[in-house]
Each structure stands twice: as structure tokens, then as C-alpha cells.
Amino acid sequence: MRKIRRGDDVIVIAGKDKGRRGTVLRVVAKGRKVVVEGINIVKKHQKPNPLLGRTGGIIELEKPIDISNVMLFNPATQKGDRVGFKMLEDGRKVRYFKSNGEVVDT
């Protein structure tokens, strides 16, 4: 079970996009990196490939950032928050915010 998953709302805590928020699009590199919507945008010079129907030019891509540089966003406190795991009475393992104990997963 991962602390940060696809679809989570995160805030960047380090790097050129520090302080910006976005949604996790995917987790890559065996859970060590995440691609966040609108974060770590780079420009790539791309050659045209007529076989794939791809035009050439300069495109903008969202590149992965290390998972240690993002925190799960807590809507109650409007800040990034640490995440822990606990077992509920019905036997489910859920994530919760460390600051206020609120359960993340529903």
C-alpha cells in the first residue's frame, strides 16, 4: 500500500514548483516517482514521425518528480500533511492524516 496514489491531490514541497498543487496522474519507477498534473513541465524538441502520425516541433511534457518532494494535501488544514496507516474495526487498512487523524480513504 502506498502513501501517495493516482488521483490524490498533492502539494509540492521542494524544487522549482514548490508550493504548487496538482493531481497525481500516475506513479512510476516502482513507486519512487510521481507525475503530477501541471507540475515539472519541460520543453522537448520532437522530430516528426509520419508513420506514427506525429508532427515535429517543441512540445511540453509533464515529467516525473520524486515522491519525497510532494505531500498529500489536507483540505481541512489547507496544507500538506503526513500520512499514516491504521486498521479500522471492519478490518480495512486505510490512510489517515497525522495532524488531525482524519481518514483519507473512504
Protein backbone atom coordinates (compact mmCIF):
# COMPACT_ATOMS: atom_id res chain seq x y z
CA MET A 1 0.00 0.00 0.00
CA ARG A 2 1.36 3.41 -0.99
CA LYS A 3 1.11 6.70 0.86
CA ILE A 4 0.51 8.60 -2.41
CA ARG A 5 -1.67 7.12 -5.15
CA ARG A 6 -3.09 8.07 -8.53
CA GLY A 7 -5.83 10.69 -8.20
CA ASP A 8 -4.54 12.17 -4.92
CA ASP A 9 -4.34 15.94 -4.52
CA VAL A 10 -0.74 16.81 -3.59
CA ILE A 11 1.34 19.90 -2.88
CA VAL A 12 4.98 20.24 -3.98
CA ILE A 13 7.33 20.90 -1.06
CA ALA A 14 10.68 21.15 -2.91
CA GLY A 15 12.00 22.13 -6.31
CA LYS A 16 11.14 24.72 -8.93
CA ASP A 17 7.38 24.23 -8.46
CA LYS A 18 7.44 24.49 -4.65
CA GLY A 19 4.06 25.48 -3.20
CA ARG A 20 2.00 24.48 -6.25
CA ARG A 21 -0.82 21.93 -6.10
CA GLY A 22 -1.87 19.27 -8.56
CA THR A 23 -3.40 15.85 -9.00
CA VAL A 24 -1.26 12.72 -9.31
CA LEU A 25 -1.67 11.32 -12.83
CA ARG A 26 0.44 8.20 -12.32
CA VAL A 27 3.06 6.60 -10.09
CA VAL A 28 6.20 5.46 -11.93
CA ALA A 29 9.59 3.89 -11.22
CA LYS A 30 8.29 1.30 -8.73
CA GLY A 31 6.60 3.89 -6.54
CA ARG A 32 9.57 6.27 -6.22
CA LYS A 33 8.35 8.97 -8.61
CA VAL A 34 5.03 10.58 -9.46
CA VAL A 35 3.73 12.55 -12.43
CA VAL A 36 1.64 15.48 -11.21
CA GLU A 37 -0.74 17.44 -13.42
CA GLY A 38 0.76 20.83 -14.34
CA ILE A 39 3.98 20.28 -12.34
CA ASN A 40 7.56 19.88 -13.67
CA ILE A 41 6.69 20.95 -17.21
CA VAL A 42 9.64 20.63 -19.62
CA LYS A 43 10.00 21.51 -23.29
CA LYS A 44 11.07 18.70 -25.59
CA HIS A 45 12.24 19.06 -29.18
CA GLN A 46 10.49 16.30 -31.10
CA LYS A 47 11.25 15.04 -34.59
CA PRO A 48 8.32 14.35 -36.89
CA ASN A 49 7.40 10.71 -37.49
CA PRO A 50 4.92 10.25 -40.34
CA LEU A 51 4.50 6.53 -39.58
CA LEU A 52 3.11 7.35 -36.14
CA GLY A 53 1.31 10.47 -37.34
CA ARG A 54 3.41 12.68 -35.06
CA THR A 55 4.28 16.23 -36.05
CA GLY A 56 7.61 17.79 -35.21
CA GLY A 57 8.22 20.82 -33.04
CA ILE A 58 8.62 21.82 -29.43
CA ILE A 59 6.16 20.09 -27.10
CA GLU A 60 5.59 20.48 -23.37
CA LEU A 61 5.63 17.36 -21.18
CA GLU A 62 4.98 16.64 -17.52
CA LYS A 63 8.00 14.76 -16.21
CA PRO A 64 8.09 12.66 -13.02
CA ILE A 65 9.28 14.15 -9.73
CA ASP A 66 10.49 12.25 -6.69
CA ILE A 67 7.76 11.18 -4.30
CA SER A 68 9.70 12.72 -1.39
CA ASN A 69 9.14 16.17 -2.92
CA VAL A 70 5.33 16.02 -2.60
CA MET A 71 2.93 15.81 0.34
CA LEU A 72 -0.70 14.81 0.38
CA PHE A 73 -2.89 17.93 0.58
CA ASN A 74 -5.19 18.10 3.60
CA PRO A 75 -8.34 20.09 2.73
CA ALA A 76 -9.19 20.64 6.41
CA THR A 77 -5.93 22.47 7.19
CA GLN A 78 -5.24 23.73 3.63
CA LYS A 79 -1.64 22.43 3.92
CA GLY A 80 0.44 19.42 3.05
CA ASP A 81 0.22 16.66 5.63
CA ARG A 82 1.99 13.48 6.61
CA VAL A 83 0.14 10.22 6.10
CA GLY A 84 -0.06 7.11 8.25
CA PHE A 85 -1.87 3.78 8.07
CA LYS A 86 -4.32 2.25 10.52
CA MET A 87 -6.75 -0.65 10.61
CA LEU A 88 -10.46 0.03 11.01
CA GLU A 89 -12.86 -2.11 13.04
CA ASP A 90 -14.09 -3.85 9.88
CA GLY A 91 -10.53 -4.95 9.04
CA ARG A 92 -9.79 -2.43 6.27
CA LYS A 93 -6.37 -0.76 6.14
CA VAL A 94 -6.78 2.97 5.46
CA ARG A 95 -4.63 6.08 5.20
CA TYR A 96 -5.13 8.93 7.64
CA PHE A 97 -3.70 12.43 8.14
CA LYS A 98 -1.25 12.59 11.04
CA SER A 99 -2.21 16.15 12.07
CA ASN A 100 -5.93 15.64 12.71
CA GLY A 101 -6.45 11.87 12.41
CA GLU A 102 -8.96 12.25 9.57
CA VAL A 103 -9.23 9.22 7.26
CA VAL A 104 -8.15 9.88 3.66
CA ASP A 105 -9.70 6.79 2.02
CA THR A 106 -13.44 6.38 2.01
